[in-house]
Amino acid sequence: AIQFYRLGLAEEAPRLVFAAIDPRTEMLG
């Protein structure tokens, strides 16, 4: 929540993503 608030103040439009990172592609699965 604190990180969301900090990023919001910086106008970076954060959003929470539920996904594991695929180590083979470094992308979200």
PDB file of all heavy atoms in Angstrom:
ATOM      1  N   ALA A   1       0.835  -1.209   0.000  1.00  0.00           N
ATOM      2  CA  ALA A   1       0.000   0.000   0.000  1.00  0.00           C
ATOM      3  C   ALA A   1       0.868   1.258   0.000  1.00  0.00           C
ATOM      4  O   ALA A   1       0.586   2.233  -0.721  1.00  0.00           O
ATOM      5  CB  ALA A   1      -0.921  -0.002   1.219  1.00  0.00           C
ATOM      6  N   ILE A   2       1.943   1.255   0.779  1.00  0.00           N
ATOM      7  CA  ILE A   2       2.862   2.391   0.809  1.00  0.00           C
ATOM      8  C   ILE A   2       3.518   2.599  -0.547  1.00  0.00           C
ATOM      9  O   ILE A   2       3.638   3.730  -1.040  1.00  0.00           O
ATOM     10  CB  ILE A   2       3.939   2.178   1.901  1.00  0.00           C
ATOM     11  CG1 ILE A   2       3.292   2.256   3.288  1.00  0.00           C
ATOM     12  CG2 ILE A   2       5.056   3.213   1.774  1.00  0.00           C
ATOM     13  CD1 ILE A   2       4.218   1.853   4.412  1.00  0.00           C
ATOM     14  N   GLN A   3       3.932   1.486  -1.188  1.00  0.00           N
ATOM     15  CA  GLN A   3       4.560   1.581  -2.498  1.00  0.00           C
ATOM     16  C   GLN A   3       3.577   2.107  -3.542  1.00  0.00           C
ATOM     17  O   GLN A   3       3.938   2.920  -4.408  1.00  0.00           O
ATOM     18  CB  GLN A   3       5.116   0.220  -2.916  1.00  0.00           C
ATOM     19  CG  GLN A   3       5.832   0.203  -4.251  1.00  0.00           C
ATOM     20  CD  GLN A   3       7.156   0.960  -4.234  1.00  0.00           C
ATOM     21  OE1 GLN A   3       7.460   1.719  -3.323  1.00  0.00           O
ATOM     22  NE2 GLN A   3       7.948   0.754  -5.281  1.00  0.00           N
ATOM     23  N   PHE A   4       2.323   1.643  -3.463  1.00  0.00           N
ATOM     24  CA  PHE A   4       1.283   2.155  -4.351  1.00  0.00           C
ATOM     25  C   PHE A   4       1.130   3.667  -4.187  1.00  0.00           C
ATOM     26  O   PHE A   4       1.016   4.414  -5.172  1.00  0.00           O
ATOM     27  CB  PHE A   4      -0.059   1.463  -4.057  1.00  0.00           C
ATOM     28  CG  PHE A   4      -0.466   0.476  -5.098  1.00  0.00           C
ATOM     29  CD1 PHE A   4       0.169  -0.762  -5.172  1.00  0.00           C
ATOM     30  CD2 PHE A   4      -1.461   0.759  -6.006  1.00  0.00           C
ATOM     31  CE1 PHE A   4      -0.204  -1.683  -6.130  1.00  0.00           C
ATOM     32  CE2 PHE A   4      -1.841  -0.164  -6.981  1.00  0.00           C
ATOM     33  CZ  PHE A   4      -1.205  -1.389  -7.045  1.00  0.00           C
ATOM     34  N   TYR A   5       1.124   4.112  -2.940  1.00  0.00           N
ATOM     35  CA  TYR A   5       0.951   5.541  -2.648  1.00  0.00           C
ATOM     36  C   TYR A   5       2.120   6.343  -3.209  1.00  0.00           C
ATOM     37  O   TYR A   5       1.928   7.397  -3.842  1.00  0.00           O
ATOM     38  CB  TYR A   5       0.847   5.735  -1.138  1.00  0.00           C
ATOM     39  CG  TYR A   5       0.706   7.170  -0.718  1.00  0.00           C
ATOM     40  CD1 TYR A   5      -0.476   7.884  -0.927  1.00  0.00           C
ATOM     41  CD2 TYR A   5       1.777   7.829  -0.105  1.00  0.00           C
ATOM     42  CE1 TYR A   5      -0.600   9.206  -0.545  1.00  0.00           C
ATOM     43  CE2 TYR A   5       1.668   9.153   0.283  1.00  0.00           C
ATOM     44  CZ  TYR A   5       0.474   9.835   0.061  1.00  0.00           C
ATOM     45  OH  TYR A   5       0.364  11.153   0.439  1.00  0.00           O
ATOM     46  N   ARG A   6       3.339   5.853  -3.011  1.00  0.00           N
ATOM     47  CA  ARG A   6       4.528   6.557  -3.509  1.00  0.00           C
ATOM     48  C   ARG A   6       4.518   6.648  -5.031  1.00  0.00           C
ATOM     49  O   ARG A   6       4.805   7.700  -5.607  1.00  0.00           O
ATOM     50  CB  ARG A   6       5.802   5.835  -3.043  1.00  0.00           C
ATOM     51  CG  ARG A   6       6.069   5.932  -1.561  1.00  0.00           C
ATOM     52  CD  ARG A   6       7.324   5.164  -1.162  1.00  0.00           C
ATOM     53  NE  ARG A   6       8.516   5.694  -1.811  1.00  0.00           N
ATOM     54  CZ  ARG A   6       9.185   5.063  -2.768  1.00  0.00           C
ATOM     55  NH1 ARG A   6       8.780   3.882  -3.198  1.00  0.00           N
ATOM     56  NH2 ARG A   6      10.258   5.607  -3.302  1.00  0.00           N
ATOM     57  N   LEU A   7       4.191   5.537  -5.684  1.00  0.00           N
ATOM     58  CA  LEU A   7       4.161   5.537  -7.144  1.00  0.00           C
ATOM     59  C   LEU A   7       3.029   6.394  -7.673  1.00  0.00           C
ATOM     60  O   LEU A   7       3.150   7.026  -8.730  1.00  0.00           O
ATOM     61  CB  LEU A   7       4.015   4.100  -7.655  1.00  0.00           C
ATOM     62  CG  LEU A   7       5.215   3.170  -7.396  1.00  0.00           C
ATOM     63  CD1 LEU A   7       4.868   1.730  -7.749  1.00  0.00           C
ATOM     64  CD2 LEU A   7       6.440   3.630  -8.191  1.00  0.00           C
ATOM     65  N   GLY A   8       1.921   6.418  -6.945  1.00  0.00           N
ATOM     66  CA  GLY A   8       0.802   7.266  -7.345  1.00  0.00           C
ATOM     67  C   GLY A   8       1.169   8.735  -7.286  1.00  0.00           C
ATOM     68  O   GLY A   8       0.794   9.513  -8.181  1.00  0.00           O
ATOM     69  N   LEU A   9       1.897   9.138  -6.232  1.00  0.00           N
ATOM     70  CA  LEU A   9       2.345  10.522  -6.124  1.00  0.00           C
ATOM     71  C   LEU A   9       3.270  10.887  -7.282  1.00  0.00           C
ATOM     72  O   LEU A   9       3.297  12.042  -7.732  1.00  0.00           O
ATOM     73  CB  LEU A   9       3.074  10.740  -4.796  1.00  0.00           C
ATOM     74  CG  LEU A   9       2.205  10.742  -3.520  1.00  0.00           C
ATOM     75  CD1 LEU A   9       3.090  10.948  -2.293  1.00  0.00           C
ATOM     76  CD2 LEU A   9       1.133  11.830  -3.596  1.00  0.00           C
ATOM     77  N   ALA A  10       4.031   9.905  -7.751  1.00  0.00           N
ATOM     78  CA  ALA A  10       4.942  10.130  -8.879  1.00  0.00           C
ATOM     79  C   ALA A  10       4.228  10.008 -10.226  1.00  0.00           C
ATOM     80  O   ALA A  10       4.880  10.081 -11.275  1.00  0.00           O
ATOM     81  CB  ALA A  10       6.107   9.155  -8.813  1.00  0.00           C
ATOM     82  N   GLU A  11       2.904   9.815 -10.177  1.00  0.00           N
ATOM     83  CA  GLU A  11       2.067   9.703 -11.382  1.00  0.00           C
ATOM     84  C   GLU A  11       2.523   8.575 -12.305  1.00  0.00           C
ATOM     85  O   GLU A  11       2.553   8.716 -13.528  1.00  0.00           O
ATOM     86  CB  GLU A  11       2.040  11.038 -12.141  1.00  0.00           C
ATOM     87  CG  GLU A  11       1.450  12.185 -11.322  1.00  0.00           C
ATOM     88  CD  GLU A  11       1.368  13.482 -12.108  1.00  0.00           C
ATOM     89  OE1 GLU A  11       1.943  13.545 -13.212  1.00  0.00           O
ATOM     90  OE2 GLU A  11       0.716  14.415 -11.616  1.00  0.00           O
ATOM     91  N   GLU A  12       2.883   7.443 -11.702  1.00  0.00           N
ATOM     92  CA  GLU A  12       3.309   6.283 -12.495  1.00  0.00           C
ATOM     93  C   GLU A  12       2.180   5.279 -12.719  1.00  0.00           C
ATOM     94  O   GLU A  12       2.399   4.221 -13.308  1.00  0.00           O
ATOM     95  CB  GLU A  12       4.497   5.591 -11.815  1.00  0.00           C
ATOM     96  CG  GLU A  12       5.763   6.440 -11.802  1.00  0.00           C
ATOM     97  CD  GLU A  12       6.992   5.626 -11.448  1.00  0.00           C
ATOM     98  OE1 GLU A  12       7.114   4.481 -11.941  1.00  0.00           O
ATOM     99  OE2 GLU A  12       7.825   6.118 -10.675  1.00  0.00           O
ATOM    100  N   ALA A  13       0.983   5.583 -12.219  1.00  0.00           N
ATOM    101  CA  ALA A  13      -0.204   4.737 -12.430  1.00  0.00           C
ATOM    102  C   ALA A  13       0.066   3.266 -12.114  1.00  0.00           C
ATOM    103  O   ALA A  13      -0.005   2.400 -13.002  1.00  0.00           O
ATOM    104  CB  ALA A  13      -0.689   4.877 -13.865  1.00  0.00           C
ATOM    105  N   PRO A  14       0.360   2.937 -10.863  1.00  0.00           N
ATOM    106  CA  PRO A  14       0.656   1.538 -10.517  1.00  0.00           C
ATOM    107  C   PRO A  14      -0.599   0.669 -10.526  1.00  0.00           C
ATOM    108  O   PRO A  14      -1.719   1.146 -10.300  1.00  0.00           O
ATOM    109  CB  PRO A  14       1.206   1.656  -9.094  1.00  0.00           C
ATOM    110  CG  PRO A  14       0.525   2.865  -8.532  1.00  0.00           C
ATOM    111  CD  PRO A  14       0.427   3.826  -9.688  1.00  0.00           C
ATOM    112  N   ARG A  15      -0.420  -0.606 -10.798  1.00  0.00           N
ATOM    113  CA  ARG A  15      -1.510  -1.569 -10.675  1.00  0.00           C
ATOM    114  C   ARG A  15      -0.944  -2.890 -10.188  1.00  0.00           C
ATOM    115  O   ARG A  15       0.208  -3.241 -10.497  1.00  0.00           O
ATOM    116  CB  ARG A  15      -2.253  -1.753 -11.995  1.00  0.00           C
ATOM    117  CG  ARG A  15      -1.471  -2.391 -13.113  1.00  0.00           C
ATOM    118  CD  ARG A  15      -2.256  -2.371 -14.417  1.00  0.00           C
ATOM    119  NE  ARG A  15      -1.568  -3.098 -15.479  1.00  0.00           N
ATOM    120  CZ  ARG A  15      -1.809  -4.375 -15.792  1.00  0.00           C
ATOM    121  NH1 ARG A  15      -2.723  -5.055 -15.115  1.00  0.00           N
ATOM    122  NH2 ARG A  15      -1.161  -4.968 -16.772  1.00  0.00           N
ATOM    123  N   LEU A  16      -1.758  -3.597  -9.410  1.00  0.00           N
ATOM    124  CA  LEU A  16      -1.320  -4.866  -8.847  1.00  0.00           C
ATOM    125  C   LEU A  16      -1.596  -5.995  -9.837  1.00  0.00           C
ATOM    126  O   LEU A  16      -2.701  -6.105 -10.375  1.00  0.00           O
ATOM    127  CB  LEU A  16      -2.054  -5.140  -7.531  1.00  0.00           C
ATOM    128  CG  LEU A  16      -1.598  -6.375  -6.742  1.00  0.00           C
ATOM    129  CD1 LEU A  16      -0.163  -6.204  -6.261  1.00  0.00           C
ATOM    130  CD2 LEU A  16      -2.528  -6.622  -5.552  1.00  0.00           C
ATOM    131  N   VAL A  17      -0.593  -6.823 -10.069  1.00  0.00           N
ATOM    132  CA  VAL A  17      -0.719  -7.934 -11.014  1.00  0.00           C
ATOM    133  C   VAL A  17      -0.438  -9.243 -10.286  1.00  0.00           C
ATOM    134  O   VAL A  17       0.590  -9.379  -9.612  1.00  0.00           O
ATOM    135  CB  VAL A  17       0.275  -7.768 -12.190  1.00  0.00           C
ATOM    136  CG1 VAL A  17       0.183  -8.967 -13.129  1.00  0.00           C
ATOM    137  CG2 VAL A  17       0.000  -6.483 -12.942  1.00  0.00           C
ATOM    138  N   PHE A  18      -1.367 -10.174 -10.415  1.00  0.00           N
ATOM    139  CA  PHE A  18      -1.180 -11.513  -9.848  1.00  0.00           C
ATOM    140  C   PHE A  18      -0.666 -12.430 -10.958  1.00  0.00           C
ATOM    141  O   PHE A  18      -1.414 -12.899 -11.803  1.00  0.00           O
ATOM    142  CB  PHE A  18      -2.500 -12.044  -9.284  1.00  0.00           C
ATOM    143  CG  PHE A  18      -2.438 -13.479  -8.833  1.00  0.00           C
ATOM    144  CD1 PHE A  18      -1.626 -13.868  -7.777  1.00  0.00           C
ATOM    145  CD2 PHE A  18      -3.200 -14.455  -9.473  1.00  0.00           C
ATOM    146  CE1 PHE A  18      -1.573 -15.184  -7.365  1.00  0.00           C
ATOM    147  CE2 PHE A  18      -3.159 -15.781  -9.074  1.00  0.00           C
ATOM    148  CZ  PHE A  18      -2.338 -16.144  -8.013  1.00  0.00           C
ATOM    149  N   ALA A  19       0.634 -12.632 -10.964  1.00  0.00           N
ATOM    150  CA  ALA A  19       1.248 -13.470 -12.000  1.00  0.00           C
ATOM    151  C   ALA A  19       2.676 -13.801 -11.589  1.00  0.00           C
ATOM    152  O   ALA A  19       3.375 -12.969 -10.985  1.00  0.00           O
ATOM    153  CB  ALA A  19       1.256 -12.757 -13.351  1.00  0.00           C
ATOM    154  N   ALA A  20       3.098 -15.006 -11.885  1.00  0.00           N
ATOM    155  CA  ALA A  20       4.481 -15.408 -11.635  1.00  0.00           C
ATOM    156  C   ALA A  20       5.328 -15.085 -12.857  1.00  0.00           C
ATOM    157  O   ALA A  20       4.839 -15.110 -13.992  1.00  0.00           O
ATOM    158  CB  ALA A  20       4.549 -16.896 -11.322  1.00  0.00           C
ATOM    159  N   ILE A  21       6.594 -14.775 -12.627  1.00  0.00           N
ATOM    160  CA  ILE A  21       7.512 -14.467 -13.722  1.00  0.00           C
ATOM    161  C   ILE A  21       8.123 -15.770 -14.242  1.00  0.00           C
ATOM    162  O   ILE A  21       8.659 -16.565 -13.475  1.00  0.00           O
ATOM    163  CB  ILE A  21       8.614 -13.505 -13.259  1.00  0.00           C
ATOM    164  CG1 ILE A  21       8.001 -12.180 -12.803  1.00  0.00           C
ATOM    165  CG2 ILE A  21       9.631 -13.267 -14.374  1.00  0.00           C
ATOM    166  CD1 ILE A  21       9.012 -11.196 -12.245  1.00  0.00           C
ATOM    167  N   ASP A  22       8.030 -15.977 -15.530  1.00  0.00           N
ATOM    168  CA  ASP A  22       8.621 -17.151 -16.164  1.00  0.00           C
ATOM    169  C   ASP A  22      10.127 -16.924 -16.277  1.00  0.00           C
ATOM    170  O   ASP A  22      10.568 -16.011 -16.996  1.00  0.00           O
ATOM    171  CB  ASP A  22       8.013 -17.348 -17.558  1.00  0.00           C
ATOM    172  CG  ASP A  22       8.424 -18.664 -18.186  1.00  0.00           C
ATOM    173  OD1 ASP A  22       9.477 -19.211 -17.809  1.00  0.00           O
ATOM    174  OD2 ASP A  22       7.691 -19.149 -19.069  1.00  0.00           O
ATOM    175  N   PRO A  23      10.956 -17.709 -15.569  1.00  0.00           N
ATOM    176  CA  PRO A  23      12.407 -17.491 -15.604  1.00  0.00           C
ATOM    177  C   PRO A  23      13.027 -17.699 -16.977  1.00  0.00           C
ATOM    178  O   PRO A  23      14.105 -17.196 -17.261  1.00  0.00           O
ATOM    179  CB  PRO A  23      12.937 -18.518 -14.588  1.00  0.00           C
ATOM    180  CG  PRO A  23      11.877 -19.561 -14.508  1.00  0.00           C
ATOM    181  CD  PRO A  23      10.583 -18.843 -14.719  1.00  0.00           C
ATOM    182  N   ARG A  24      12.332 -18.430 -17.845  1.00  0.00           N
ATOM    183  CA  ARG A  24      12.875 -18.682 -19.186  1.00  0.00           C
ATOM    184  C   ARG A  24      12.742 -17.462 -20.089  1.00  0.00           C
ATOM    185  O   ARG A  24      13.598 -17.206 -20.927  1.00  0.00           O
ATOM    186  CB  ARG A  24      12.159 -19.871 -19.827  1.00  0.00           C
ATOM    187  CG  ARG A  24      12.378 -21.198 -19.121  1.00  0.00           C
ATOM    188  CD  ARG A  24      11.407 -22.249 -19.596  1.00  0.00           C
ATOM    189  NE  ARG A  24      10.019 -21.875 -19.311  1.00  0.00           N
ATOM    190  CZ  ARG A  24       8.965 -22.615 -19.607  1.00  0.00           C
ATOM    191  NH1 ARG A  24       9.132 -23.780 -20.210  1.00  0.00           N
ATOM    192  NH2 ARG A  24       7.737 -22.211 -19.320  1.00  0.00           N
ATOM    193  N   THR A  25      11.662 -16.713 -19.920  1.00  0.00           N
ATOM    194  CA  THR A  25      11.398 -15.566 -20.795  1.00  0.00           C
ATOM    195  C   THR A  25      11.476 -14.227 -20.077  1.00  0.00           C
ATOM    196  O   THR A  25      11.487 -13.186 -20.722  1.00  0.00           O
ATOM    197  CB  THR A  25       9.989 -15.687 -21.410  1.00  0.00           C
ATOM    198  OG1 THR A  25       9.013 -15.654 -20.350  1.00  0.00           O
ATOM    199  CG2 THR A  25       9.849 -17.003 -22.168  1.00  0.00           C
ATOM    200  N   GLU A  26      11.543 -14.280 -18.707  1.00  0.00           N
ATOM    201  CA  GLU A  26      11.520 -13.060 -17.896  1.00  0.00           C
ATOM    202  C   GLU A  26      10.236 -12.265 -18.098  1.00  0.00           C
ATOM    203  O   GLU A  26      10.209 -11.062 -17.860  1.00  0.00           O
ATOM    204  CB  GLU A  26      12.744 -12.169 -18.200  1.00  0.00           C
ATOM    205  CG  GLU A  26      14.080 -12.807 -17.860  1.00  0.00           C
ATOM    206  CD  GLU A  26      14.229 -13.100 -16.386  1.00  0.00           C
ATOM    207  OE1 GLU A  26      13.740 -12.295 -15.572  1.00  0.00           O
ATOM    208  OE2 GLU A  26      14.826 -14.143 -16.044  1.00  0.00           O
ATOM    209  N   MET A  27       9.182 -12.943 -18.532  1.00  0.00           N
ATOM    210  CA  MET A  27       7.884 -12.310 -18.733  1.00  0.00           C
ATOM    211  C   MET A  27       6.875 -12.899 -17.751  1.00  0.00           C
ATOM    212  O   MET A  27       7.094 -13.969 -17.184  1.00  0.00           O
ATOM    213  CB  MET A  27       7.398 -12.526 -20.172  1.00  0.00           C
ATOM    214  CG  MET A  27       8.343 -11.972 -21.241  1.00  0.00           C
ATOM    215  SD  MET A  27       8.507 -10.168 -21.173  1.00  0.00           S
ATOM    216  CE  MET A  27       6.862  -9.688 -21.715  1.00  0.00           C
ATOM    217  N   LEU A  28       5.759 -12.179 -17.558  1.00  0.00           N
ATOM    218  CA  LEU A  28       4.717 -12.659 -16.668  1.00  0.00           C
ATOM    219  C   LEU A  28       3.969 -13.827 -17.296  1.00  0.00           C
ATOM    220  O   LEU A  28       3.577 -13.762 -18.464  1.00  0.00           O
ATOM    221  CB  LEU A  28       3.733 -11.527 -16.344  1.00  0.00           C
ATOM    222  CG  LEU A  28       4.312 -10.334 -15.570  1.00  0.00           C
ATOM    223  CD1 LEU A  28       3.255  -9.253 -15.411  1.00  0.00           C
ATOM    224  CD2 LEU A  28       4.834 -10.773 -14.216  1.00  0.00           C
ATOM    225  N   GLY A  29       3.760 -14.897 -16.527  1.00  0.00           N
ATOM    226  CA  GLY A  29       3.035 -16.049 -17.019  1.00  0.00           C
ATOM    227  C   GLY A  29       1.538 -15.894 -16.827  1.00  0.00           C
ATOM    228  O   GLY A  29       1.069 -14.963 -16.162  1.00  0.00           O
TER     229      GLY A  29
END
